[in-house]
Amino acid sequence: SGLEFAYSQAPLFMQGVCMGLFLATCGIGGYVAELILVIVDAVTGS
């Protein structure tokens, strides 16, 4: 649904950019997961 949303809600001349931005969230999410682990380690110790 996210792919469809990015396509249908973006203007025709910016659909590629919007799809790229949506796909980039997956990569950013991976780094957010790493950040969460860093914060958890800082709070609870290793």
PDB file of all heavy atoms in Angstrom:
ATOM      1  N   SER A   1       0.829  -1.201   0.000  1.00  0.00           N
ATOM      2  CA  SER A   1       0.000   0.000   0.000  1.00  0.00           C
ATOM      3  C   SER A   1       0.863   1.250   0.000  1.00  0.00           C
ATOM      4  O   SER A   1       0.473   2.280  -0.561  1.00  0.00           O
ATOM      5  CB  SER A   1      -0.927   0.002   1.220  1.00  0.00           C
ATOM      6  OG  SER A   1      -1.757  -1.141   1.218  1.00  0.00           O
ATOM      7  N   GLY A   2       2.054   1.168   0.624  1.00  0.00           N
ATOM      8  CA  GLY A   2       2.968   2.306   0.600  1.00  0.00           C
ATOM      9  C   GLY A   2       3.464   2.600  -0.803  1.00  0.00           C
ATOM     10  O   GLY A   2       3.556   3.765  -1.212  1.00  0.00           O
ATOM     11  N   LEU A   3       3.782   1.557  -1.565  1.00  0.00           N
ATOM     12  CA  LEU A   3       4.190   1.746  -2.964  1.00  0.00           C
ATOM     13  C   LEU A   3       3.063   2.387  -3.770  1.00  0.00           C
ATOM     14  O   LEU A   3       3.278   3.322  -4.544  1.00  0.00           O
ATOM     15  CB  LEU A   3       4.564   0.391  -3.584  1.00  0.00           C
ATOM     16  CG  LEU A   3       5.858  -0.262  -3.104  1.00  0.00           C
ATOM     17  CD1 LEU A   3       5.958  -1.682  -3.646  1.00  0.00           C
ATOM     18  CD2 LEU A   3       7.078   0.545  -3.534  1.00  0.00           C
ATOM     19  N   GLU A   4       1.859   1.875  -3.575  1.00  0.00           N
ATOM     20  CA  GLU A   4       0.707   2.419  -4.304  1.00  0.00           C
ATOM     21  C   GLU A   4       0.418   3.860  -3.887  1.00  0.00           C
ATOM     22  O   GLU A   4       0.089   4.711  -4.731  1.00  0.00           O
ATOM     23  CB  GLU A   4      -0.515   1.535  -4.042  1.00  0.00           C
ATOM     24  CG  GLU A   4      -1.738   1.915  -4.856  1.00  0.00           C
ATOM     25  CD  GLU A   4      -2.957   1.102  -4.481  1.00  0.00           C
ATOM     26  OE1 GLU A   4      -2.811   0.084  -3.781  1.00  0.00           O
ATOM     27  OE2 GLU A   4      -4.065   1.510  -4.871  1.00  0.00           O
ATOM     28  N   PHE A   5       0.547   4.137  -2.597  1.00  0.00           N
ATOM     29  CA  PHE A   5       0.333   5.488  -2.091  1.00  0.00           C
ATOM     30  C   PHE A   5       1.339   6.458  -2.699  1.00  0.00           C
ATOM     31  O   PHE A   5       0.977   7.550  -3.152  1.00  0.00           O
ATOM     32  CB  PHE A   5       0.445   5.479  -0.563  1.00  0.00           C
ATOM     33  CG  PHE A   5       0.330   6.830   0.074  1.00  0.00           C
ATOM     34  CD1 PHE A   5      -0.903   7.413   0.295  1.00  0.00           C
ATOM     35  CD2 PHE A   5       1.470   7.531   0.468  1.00  0.00           C
ATOM     36  CE1 PHE A   5      -1.015   8.667   0.890  1.00  0.00           C
ATOM     37  CE2 PHE A   5       1.377   8.777   1.058  1.00  0.00           C
ATOM     38  CZ  PHE A   5       0.130   9.343   1.273  1.00  0.00           C
ATOM     39  N   ALA A   6       2.625   6.063  -2.706  1.00  0.00           N
ATOM     40  CA  ALA A   6       3.667   6.921  -3.262  1.00  0.00           C
ATOM     41  C   ALA A   6       3.404   7.216  -4.725  1.00  0.00           C
ATOM     42  O   ALA A   6       3.638   8.332  -5.202  1.00  0.00           O
ATOM     43  CB  ALA A   6       5.037   6.255  -3.097  1.00  0.00           C
ATOM     44  N   TYR A   7       2.896   6.229  -5.458  1.00  0.00           N
ATOM     45  CA  TYR A   7       2.626   6.420  -6.888  1.00  0.00           C
ATOM     46  C   TYR A   7       1.390   7.278  -7.114  1.00  0.00           C
ATOM     47  O   TYR A   7       1.416   8.232  -7.898  1.00  0.00           O
ATOM     48  CB  TYR A   7       2.426   5.056  -7.556  1.00  0.00           C
ATOM     49  CG  TYR A   7       1.983   5.155  -8.999  1.00  0.00           C
ATOM     50  CD1 TYR A   7       2.900   5.401 -10.012  1.00  0.00           C
ATOM     51  CD2 TYR A   7       0.631   5.020  -9.353  1.00  0.00           C
ATOM     52  CE1 TYR A   7       2.501   5.503 -11.335  1.00  0.00           C
ATOM     53  CE2 TYR A   7       0.230   5.121 -10.670  1.00  0.00           C
ATOM     54  CZ  TYR A   7       1.166   5.360 -11.658  1.00  0.00           C
ATOM     55  OH  TYR A   7       0.758   5.468 -12.963  1.00  0.00           O
ATOM     56  N   SER A   8       0.299   6.959  -6.420  1.00  0.00           N
ATOM     57  CA  SER A   8      -0.980   7.603  -6.717  1.00  0.00           C
ATOM     58  C   SER A   8      -1.069   9.031  -6.190  1.00  0.00           C
ATOM     59  O   SER A   8      -1.789   9.859  -6.753  1.00  0.00           O
ATOM     60  CB  SER A   8      -2.135   6.772  -6.138  1.00  0.00           C
ATOM     61  OG  SER A   8      -2.057   6.735  -4.724  1.00  0.00           O
ATOM     62  N   GLN A   9      -0.340   9.338  -5.113  1.00  0.00           N
ATOM     63  CA  GLN A   9      -0.449  10.661  -4.514  1.00  0.00           C
ATOM     64  C   GLN A   9       0.610  11.644  -4.995  1.00  0.00           C
ATOM     65  O   GLN A   9       0.516  12.834  -4.719  1.00  0.00           O
ATOM     66  CB  GLN A   9      -0.389  10.540  -2.998  1.00  0.00           C
ATOM     67  CG  GLN A   9      -1.553   9.771  -2.396  1.00  0.00           C
ATOM     68  CD  GLN A   9      -2.890  10.383  -2.772  1.00  0.00           C
ATOM     69  OE1 GLN A   9      -3.205  11.501  -2.390  1.00  0.00           O
ATOM     70  NE2 GLN A   9      -3.675   9.660  -3.547  1.00  0.00           N
ATOM     71  N   ALA A  10       1.615  11.124  -5.698  1.00  0.00           N
ATOM     72  CA  ALA A  10       2.650  12.008  -6.236  1.00  0.00           C
ATOM     73  C   ALA A  10       2.209  12.570  -7.579  1.00  0.00           C
ATOM     74  O   ALA A  10       1.503  11.903  -8.334  1.00  0.00           O
ATOM     75  CB  ALA A  10       3.960  11.241  -6.415  1.00  0.00           C
ATOM     76  N   PRO A  11       2.592  13.807  -7.903  1.00  0.00           N
ATOM     77  CA  PRO A  11       2.322  14.326  -9.243  1.00  0.00           C
ATOM     78  C   PRO A  11       3.076  13.500 -10.274  1.00  0.00           C
ATOM     79  O   PRO A  11       4.129  12.921  -9.989  1.00  0.00           O
ATOM     80  CB  PRO A  11       2.846  15.762  -9.179  1.00  0.00           C
ATOM     81  CG  PRO A  11       3.838  15.761  -8.068  1.00  0.00           C
ATOM     82  CD  PRO A  11       3.341  14.764  -7.077  1.00  0.00           C
ATOM     83  N   LEU A  12       2.534  13.437 -11.483  1.00  0.00           N
ATOM     84  CA  LEU A  12       3.103  12.590 -12.529  1.00  0.00           C
ATOM     85  C   LEU A  12       4.585  12.852 -12.732  1.00  0.00           C
ATOM     86  O   LEU A  12       5.376  11.917 -12.896  1.00  0.00           O
ATOM     87  CB  LEU A  12       2.343  12.820 -13.843  1.00  0.00           C
ATOM     88  CG  LEU A  12       2.786  11.993 -15.049  1.00  0.00           C
ATOM     89  CD1 LEU A  12       2.562  10.514 -14.795  1.00  0.00           C
ATOM     90  CD2 LEU A  12       2.051  12.444 -16.310  1.00  0.00           C
ATOM     91  N   PHE A  13       4.994  14.123 -12.681  1.00  0.00           N
ATOM     92  CA  PHE A  13       6.370  14.472 -12.986  1.00  0.00           C
ATOM     93  C   PHE A  13       7.313  14.302 -11.792  1.00  0.00           C
ATOM     94  O   PHE A  13       8.490  14.625 -11.890  1.00  0.00           O
ATOM     95  CB  PHE A  13       6.455  15.912 -13.506  1.00  0.00           C
ATOM     96  CG  PHE A  13       5.848  16.938 -12.586  1.00  0.00           C
ATOM     97  CD1 PHE A  13       6.604  17.566 -11.616  1.00  0.00           C
ATOM     98  CD2 PHE A  13       4.513  17.267 -12.703  1.00  0.00           C
ATOM     99  CE1 PHE A  13       6.052  18.510 -10.779  1.00  0.00           C
ATOM    100  CE2 PHE A  13       3.941  18.211 -11.862  1.00  0.00           C
ATOM    101  CZ  PHE A  13       4.711  18.841 -10.901  1.00  0.00           C
ATOM    102  N   MET A  14       6.782  13.788 -10.658  1.00  0.00           N
ATOM    103  CA  MET A  14       7.638  13.559  -9.489  1.00  0.00           C
ATOM    104  C   MET A  14       7.437  12.164  -8.903  1.00  0.00           C
ATOM    105  O   MET A  14       7.843  11.895  -7.767  1.00  0.00           O
ATOM    106  CB  MET A  14       7.373  14.622  -8.421  1.00  0.00           C
ATOM    107  CG  MET A  14       7.744  16.023  -8.840  1.00  0.00           C
ATOM    108  SD  MET A  14       7.478  17.258  -7.548  1.00  0.00           S
ATOM    109  CE  MET A  14       8.864  16.943  -6.467  1.00  0.00           C
ATOM    110  N   GLN A  15       6.835  11.259  -9.679  1.00  0.00           N
ATOM    111  CA  GLN A  15       6.559   9.926  -9.154  1.00  0.00           C
ATOM    112  C   GLN A  15       7.832   9.144  -8.862  1.00  0.00           C
ATOM    113  O   GLN A  15       7.919   8.414  -7.877  1.00  0.00           O
ATOM    114  CB  GLN A  15       5.679   9.147 -10.142  1.00  0.00           C
ATOM    115  CG  GLN A  15       4.230   9.599 -10.122  1.00  0.00           C
ATOM    116  CD  GLN A  15       3.402   8.931 -11.191  1.00  0.00           C
ATOM    117  OE1 GLN A  15       3.938   8.458 -12.205  1.00  0.00           O
ATOM    118  NE2 GLN A  15       2.106   8.875 -10.994  1.00  0.00           N
ATOM    119  N   GLY A  16       8.835   9.271  -9.716  1.00  0.00           N
ATOM    120  CA  GLY A  16      10.090   8.561  -9.497  1.00  0.00           C
ATOM    121  C   GLY A  16      10.784   9.019  -8.234  1.00  0.00           C
ATOM    122  O   GLY A  16      11.290   8.209  -7.451  1.00  0.00           O
ATOM    123  N   VAL A  17      10.826  10.344  -8.026  1.00  0.00           N
ATOM    124  CA  VAL A  17      11.452  10.890  -6.820  1.00  0.00           C
ATOM    125  C   VAL A  17      10.714  10.401  -5.572  1.00  0.00           C
ATOM    126  O   VAL A  17      11.333   9.984  -4.591  1.00  0.00           O
ATOM    127  CB  VAL A  17      11.466  12.428  -6.861  1.00  0.00           C
ATOM    128  CG1 VAL A  17      11.940  12.995  -5.527  1.00  0.00           C
ATOM    129  CG2 VAL A  17      12.361  12.915  -7.985  1.00  0.00           C
ATOM    130  N   CYS A  18       9.386  10.458  -5.610  1.00  0.00           N
ATOM    131  CA  CYS A  18       8.591  10.041  -4.447  1.00  0.00           C
ATOM    132  C   CYS A  18       8.764   8.555  -4.166  1.00  0.00           C
ATOM    133  O   CYS A  18       8.848   8.137  -3.000  1.00  0.00           O
ATOM    134  CB  CYS A  18       7.119  10.377  -4.666  1.00  0.00           C
ATOM    135  SG  CYS A  18       6.778  12.142  -4.576  1.00  0.00           S
ATOM    136  N   MET A  19       8.824   7.741  -5.231  1.00  0.00           N
ATOM    137  CA  MET A  19       9.054   6.319  -5.024  1.00  0.00           C
ATOM    138  C   MET A  19      10.436   6.103  -4.411  1.00  0.00           C
ATOM    139  O   MET A  19      10.614   5.253  -3.528  1.00  0.00           O
ATOM    140  CB  MET A  19       8.941   5.570  -6.350  1.00  0.00           C
ATOM    141  CG  MET A  19       8.924   4.057  -6.207  1.00  0.00           C
ATOM    142  SD  MET A  19       7.463   3.430  -5.356  1.00  0.00           S
ATOM    143  CE  MET A  19       6.207   3.666  -6.621  1.00  0.00           C
ATOM    144  N   GLY A  20      11.425   6.857  -4.874  1.00  0.00           N
ATOM    145  CA  GLY A  20      12.766   6.763  -4.301  1.00  0.00           C
ATOM    146  C   GLY A  20      12.778   7.149  -2.834  1.00  0.00           C
ATOM    147  O   GLY A  20      13.446   6.504  -2.016  1.00  0.00           O
ATOM    148  N   LEU A  21      12.044   8.199  -2.483  1.00  0.00           N
ATOM    149  CA  LEU A  21      11.966   8.620  -1.086  1.00  0.00           C
ATOM    150  C   LEU A  21      11.321   7.539  -0.223  1.00  0.00           C
ATOM    151  O   LEU A  21      11.757   7.271   0.901  1.00  0.00           O
ATOM    152  CB  LEU A  21      11.171   9.925  -0.967  1.00  0.00           C
ATOM    153  CG  LEU A  21      11.863  11.187  -1.485  1.00  0.00           C
ATOM    154  CD1 LEU A  21      10.875  12.351  -1.519  1.00  0.00           C
ATOM    155  CD2 LEU A  21      13.069  11.543  -0.613  1.00  0.00           C
ATOM    156  N   PHE A  22      10.276   6.907  -0.753  1.00  0.00           N
ATOM    157  CA  PHE A  22       9.616   5.837  -0.006  1.00  0.00           C
ATOM    158  C   PHE A  22      10.571   4.668   0.222  1.00  0.00           C
ATOM    159  O   PHE A  22      10.671   4.129   1.323  1.00  0.00           O
ATOM    160  CB  PHE A  22       8.371   5.353  -0.744  1.00  0.00           C
ATOM    161  CG  PHE A  22       7.697   4.182  -0.080  1.00  0.00           C
ATOM    162  CD1 PHE A  22       6.941   4.353   1.069  1.00  0.00           C
ATOM    163  CD2 PHE A  22       7.848   2.895  -0.582  1.00  0.00           C
ATOM    164  CE1 PHE A  22       6.335   3.272   1.690  1.00  0.00           C
ATOM    165  CE2 PHE A  22       7.256   1.811   0.036  1.00  0.00           C
ATOM    166  CZ  PHE A  22       6.484   2.001   1.174  1.00  0.00           C
ATOM    167  N   LEU A  23      11.289   4.279  -0.821  1.00  0.00           N
ATOM    168  CA  LEU A  23      12.232   3.171  -0.695  1.00  0.00           C
ATOM    169  C   LEU A  23      13.375   3.527   0.259  1.00  0.00           C
ATOM    170  O   LEU A  23      13.907   2.661   0.953  1.00  0.00           O
ATOM    171  CB  LEU A  23      12.783   2.797  -2.076  1.00  0.00           C
ATOM    172  CG  LEU A  23      11.761   2.222  -3.055  1.00  0.00           C
ATOM    173  CD1 LEU A  23      12.364   2.107  -4.447  1.00  0.00           C
ATOM    174  CD2 LEU A  23      11.254   0.864  -2.579  1.00  0.00           C
ATOM    175  N   ALA A  24      13.744   4.803   0.298  1.00  0.00           N
ATOM    176  CA  ALA A  24      14.828   5.228   1.187  1.00  0.00           C
ATOM    177  C   ALA A  24      14.453   5.059   2.655  1.00  0.00           C
ATOM    178  O   ALA A  24      15.331   4.888   3.514  1.00  0.00           O
ATOM    179  CB  ALA A  24      15.198   6.679   0.913  1.00  0.00           C
ATOM    180  N   THR A  25      13.148   5.116   2.966  1.00  0.00           N
ATOM    181  CA  THR A  25      12.729   4.947   4.364  1.00  0.00           C
ATOM    182  C   THR A  25      13.144   3.580   4.905  1.00  0.00           C
ATOM    183  O   THR A  25      13.411   3.442   6.100  1.00  0.00           O
ATOM    184  CB  THR A  25      11.206   5.103   4.523  1.00  0.00           C
ATOM    185  OG1 THR A  25      10.531   4.099   3.744  1.00  0.00           O
ATOM    186  CG2 THR A  25      10.748   6.471   4.074  1.00  0.00           C
ATOM    187  N   CYS A  26      13.208   2.573   3.999  1.00  0.00           N
ATOM    188  CA  CYS A  26      13.598   1.231   4.446  1.00  0.00           C
ATOM    189  C   CYS A  26      15.044   1.226   4.923  1.00  0.00           C
ATOM    190  O   CYS A  26      15.369   0.643   5.959  1.00  0.00           O
ATOM    191  CB  CYS A  26      13.411   0.226   3.307  1.00  0.00           C
ATOM    192  SG  CYS A  26      11.693   0.074   2.771  1.00  0.00           S
ATOM    193  N   GLY A  27      15.913   1.883   4.163  1.00  0.00           N
ATOM    194  CA  GLY A  27      17.303   1.972   4.574  1.00  0.00           C
ATOM    195  C   GLY A  27      17.464   2.783   5.839  1.00  0.00           C
ATOM    196  O   GLY A  27      18.226   2.403   6.751  1.00  0.00           O
ATOM    197  N   ILE A  28      16.744   3.897   5.925  1.00  0.00           N
ATOM    198  CA  ILE A  28      16.820   4.730   7.126  1.00  0.00           C
ATOM    199  C   ILE A  28      16.315   3.963   8.335  1.00  0.00           C
ATOM    200  O   ILE A  28      16.855   4.065   9.436  1.00  0.00           O
ATOM    201  CB  ILE A  28      16.006   6.024   6.926  1.00  0.00           C
ATOM    202  CG1 ILE A  28      16.624   6.864   5.792  1.00  0.00           C
ATOM    203  CG2 ILE A  28      15.954   6.835   8.214  1.00  0.00           C
ATOM    204  CD1 ILE A  28      15.781   8.044   5.384  1.00  0.00           C
ATOM    205  N   GLY A  29      15.259   3.154   8.125  1.00  0.00           N
ATOM    206  CA  GLY A  29      14.717   2.356   9.218  1.00  0.00           C
ATOM    207  C   GLY A  29      15.742   1.413   9.809  1.00  0.00           C
ATOM    208  O   GLY A  29      15.780   1.197  11.029  1.00  0.00           O
ATOM    209  N   GLY A  30      16.604   0.849   8.960  1.00  0.00           N
ATOM    210  CA  GLY A  30      17.649  -0.029   9.449  1.00  0.00           C
ATOM    211  C   GLY A  30      18.612   0.694  10.375  1.00  0.00           C
ATOM    212  O   GLY A  30      19.043   0.146  11.408  1.00  0.00           O
ATOM    213  N   TYR A  31      18.926   1.941  10.032  1.00  0.00           N
ATOM    214  CA  TYR A  31      19.835   2.721  10.867  1.00  0.00           C
ATOM    215  C   TYR A  31      19.143   3.195  12.147  1.00  0.00           C
ATOM    216  O   TYR A  31      19.783   3.320  13.191  1.00  0.00           O
ATOM    217  CB  TYR A  31      20.392   3.893  10.076  1.00  0.00           C
ATOM    218  CG  TYR A  31      21.350   3.438   9.009  1.00  0.00           C
ATOM    219  CD1 TYR A  31      20.970   3.403   7.675  1.00  0.00           C
ATOM    220  CD2 TYR A  31      22.635   3.008   9.331  1.00  0.00           C
ATOM    221  CE1 TYR A  31      21.833   2.954   6.685  1.00  0.00           C
ATOM    222  CE2 TYR A  31      23.512   2.567   8.354  1.00  0.00           C
ATOM    223  CZ  TYR A  31      23.103   2.532   7.036  1.00  0.00           C
ATOM    224  OH  TYR A  31      23.953   2.075   6.075  1.00  0.00           O
ATOM    225  N   VAL A  32      17.839   3.432  12.066  1.00  0.00           N
ATOM    226  CA  VAL A  32      17.087   3.781  13.278  1.00  0.00           C
ATOM    227  C   VAL A  32      17.092   2.599  14.239  1.00  0.00           C
ATOM    228  O   VAL A  32      17.217   2.769  15.465  1.00  0.00           O
ATOM    229  CB  VAL A  32      15.641   4.186  12.917  1.00  0.00           C
ATOM    230  CG1 VAL A  32      14.774   4.275  14.172  1.00  0.00           C
ATOM    231  CG2 VAL A  32      15.640   5.522  12.185  1.00  0.00           C
ATOM    232  N   ALA A  33      16.968   1.387  13.687  1.00  0.00           N
ATOM    233  CA  ALA A  33      17.029   0.191  14.531  1.00  0.00           C
ATOM    234  C   ALA A  33      18.381   0.092  15.240  1.00  0.00           C
ATOM    235  O   ALA A  33      18.448  -0.240  16.432  1.00  0.00           O
ATOM    236  CB  ALA A  33      16.790  -1.061  13.680  1.00  0.00           C
ATOM    237  N   GLU A  34      19.456   0.408  14.510  1.00  0.00           N
ATOM    238  CA  GLU A  34      20.790   0.407  15.129  1.00  0.00           C
ATOM    239  C   GLU A  34      20.884   1.479  16.213  1.00  0.00           C
ATOM    240  O   GLU A  34      21.482   1.253  17.278  1.00  0.00           O
ATOM    241  CB  GLU A  34      21.856   0.665  14.056  1.00  0.00           C
ATOM    242  CG  GLU A  34      22.022  -0.448  13.042  1.00  0.00           C
ATOM    243  CD  GLU A  34      22.704  -1.666  13.633  1.00  0.00           C
ATOM    244  OE1 GLU A  34      23.451  -1.505  14.626  1.00  0.00           O
ATOM    245  OE2 GLU A  34      22.487  -2.774  13.120  1.00  0.00           O
ATOM    246  N   LEU A  35      20.294   2.644  15.965  1.00  0.00           N
ATOM    247  CA  LEU A  35      20.306   3.727  16.946  1.00  0.00           C
ATOM    248  C   LEU A  35      19.563   3.318  18.216  1.00  0.00           C
ATOM    249  O   LEU A  35      20.000   3.629  19.338  1.00  0.00           O
ATOM    250  CB  LEU A  35      19.679   4.986  16.347  1.00  0.00           C
ATOM    251  CG  LEU A  35      19.554   6.196  17.272  1.00  0.00           C
ATOM    252  CD1 LEU A  35      20.933   6.665  17.747  1.00  0.00           C
ATOM    253  CD2 LEU A  35      18.822   7.335  16.557  1.00  0.00           C
ATOM    254  N   ILE A  36      18.446   2.620  18.048  1.00  0.00           N
ATOM    255  CA  ILE A  36      17.679   2.151  19.208  1.00  0.00           C
ATOM    256  C   ILE A  36      18.538   1.231  20.062  1.00  0.00           C
ATOM    257  O   ILE A  36      18.552   1.321  21.301  1.00  0.00           O
ATOM    258  CB  ILE A  36      16.390   1.440  18.749  1.00  0.00           C
ATOM    259  CG1 ILE A  36      15.412   2.455  18.144  1.00  0.00           C
ATOM    260  CG2 ILE A  36      15.727   0.716  19.928  1.00  0.00           C
ATOM    261  CD1 ILE A  36      14.193   1.827  17.498  1.00  0.00           C
ATOM    262  N   LEU A  37      19.300   0.340  19.398  1.00  0.00           N
ATOM    263  CA  LEU A  37      20.165  -0.574  20.138  1.00  0.00           C
ATOM    264  C   LEU A  37      21.263   0.188  20.887  1.00  0.00           C
ATOM    265  O   LEU A  37      21.616  -0.164  22.020  1.00  0.00           O
ATOM    266  CB  LEU A  37      20.801  -1.592  19.184  1.00  0.00           C
ATOM    267  CG  LEU A  37      19.856  -2.620  18.565  1.00  0.00           C
ATOM    268  CD1 LEU A  37      20.624  -3.559  17.642  1.00  0.00           C
ATOM    269  CD2 LEU A  37      19.142  -3.421  19.641  1.00  0.00           C
ATOM    270  N   VAL A  38      21.804   1.228  20.261  1.00  0.00           N
ATOM    271  CA  VAL A  38      22.831   2.042  20.916  1.00  0.00           C
ATOM    272  C   VAL A  38      22.257   2.711  22.160  1.00  0.00           C
ATOM    273  O   VAL A  38      22.891   2.739  23.231  1.00  0.00           O
ATOM    274  CB  VAL A  38      23.387   3.101  19.937  1.00  0.00           C
ATOM    275  CG1 VAL A  38      24.265   4.106  20.673  1.00  0.00           C
ATOM    276  CG2 VAL A  38      24.178   2.431  18.816  1.00  0.00           C
ATOM    277  N   ILE A  39      21.041   3.259  22.032  1.00  0.00           N
ATOM    278  CA  ILE A  39      20.400   3.927  23.169  1.00  0.00           C
ATOM    279  C   ILE A  39      20.103   2.927  24.281  1.00  0.00           C
ATOM    280  O   ILE A  39      20.325   3.200  25.474  1.00  0.00           O
ATOM    281  CB  ILE A  39      19.115   4.640  22.715  1.00  0.00           C
ATOM    282  CG1 ILE A  39      19.465   5.786  21.748  1.00  0.00           C
ATOM    283  CG2 ILE A  39      18.342   5.175  23.916  1.00  0.00           C
ATOM    284  CD1 ILE A  39      18.258   6.438  21.108  1.00  0.00           C
ATOM    285  N   VAL A  40      19.604   1.750  23.898  1.00  0.00           N
ATOM    286  CA  VAL A  40      19.306   0.706  24.886  1.00  0.00           C
ATOM    287  C   VAL A  40      20.569   0.292  25.628  1.00  0.00           C
ATOM    288  O   VAL A  40      20.564   0.142  26.866  1.00  0.00           O
ATOM    289  CB  VAL A  40      18.656  -0.509  24.197  1.00  0.00           C
ATOM    290  CG1 VAL A  40      18.667  -1.730  25.122  1.00  0.00           C
ATOM    291  CG2 VAL A  40      17.227  -0.183  23.780  1.00  0.00           C
ATOM    292  N   ASP A  41      21.672   0.134  24.888  1.00  0.00           N
ATOM    293  CA  ASP A  41      22.948  -0.223  25.534  1.00  0.00           C
ATOM    294  C   ASP A  41      23.412   0.876  26.488  1.00  0.00           C
ATOM    295  O   ASP A  41      23.934   0.598  27.570  1.00  0.00           O
ATOM    296  CB  ASP A  41      24.023  -0.474  24.472  1.00  0.00           C
ATOM    297  CG  ASP A  41      23.999  -1.899  23.944  1.00  0.00           C
ATOM    298  OD1 ASP A  41      23.335  -2.744  24.578  1.00  0.00           O
ATOM    299  OD2 ASP A  41      24.615  -2.158  22.899  1.00  0.00           O
ATOM    300  N   ALA A  42      23.223   2.126  26.080  1.00  0.00           N
ATOM    301  CA  ALA A  42      23.655   3.249  26.921  1.00  0.00           C
ATOM    302  C   ALA A  42      22.847   3.311  28.209  1.00  0.00           C
ATOM    303  O   ALA A  42      23.377   3.665  29.275  1.00  0.00           O
ATOM    304  CB  ALA A  42      23.523   4.556  26.144  1.00  0.00           C
ATOM    305  N   VAL A  43      21.572   2.962  28.132  1.00  0.00           N
ATOM    306  CA  VAL A  43      20.692   3.055  29.295  1.00  0.00           C
ATOM    307  C   VAL A  43      20.814   1.828  30.198  1.00  0.00           C
ATOM    308  O   VAL A  43      20.872   1.945  31.433  1.00  0.00           O
ATOM    309  CB  VAL A  43      19.222   3.250  28.849  1.00  0.00           C
ATOM    310  CG1 VAL A  43      18.284   3.195  30.057  1.00  0.00           C
ATOM    311  CG2 VAL A  43      19.061   4.576  28.118  1.00  0.00           C
ATOM    312  N   THR A  44      20.864   0.640  29.599  1.00  0.00           N
ATOM    313  CA  THR A  44      20.840  -0.596  30.393  1.00  0.00           C
ATOM    314  C   THR A  44      22.223  -1.181  30.615  1.00  0.00           C
ATOM    315  O   THR A  44      22.383  -2.116  31.406  1.00  0.00           O
ATOM    316  CB  THR A  44      19.962  -1.661  29.708  1.00  0.00           C
ATOM    317  OG1 THR A  44      20.589  -2.082  28.471  1.00  0.00           O
ATOM    318  CG2 THR A  44      18.587  -1.117  29.403  1.00  0.00           C
ATOM    319  N   GLY A  45      23.231  -0.642  29.903  1.00  0.00           N
ATOM    320  CA  GLY A  45      24.573  -1.205  30.015  1.00  0.00           C
ATOM    321  C   GLY A  45      24.739  -2.366  29.050  1.00  0.00           C
ATOM    322  O   GLY A  45      23.769  -2.882  28.486  1.00  0.00           O
ATOM    323  N   SER A  46      25.959  -2.781  28.878  1.00  0.00           N
ATOM    324  CA  SER A  46      26.245  -3.865  27.939  1.00  0.00           C
ATOM    325  C   SER A  46      26.554  -5.181  28.632  1.00  0.00           C
ATOM    326  O   SER A  46      26.856  -6.173  27.973  1.00  0.00           O
ATOM    327  CB  SER A  46      27.428  -3.481  27.036  1.00  0.00           C
ATOM    328  OG  SER A  46      28.576  -3.194  27.829  1.00  0.00           O
TER     329      SER A  46
END
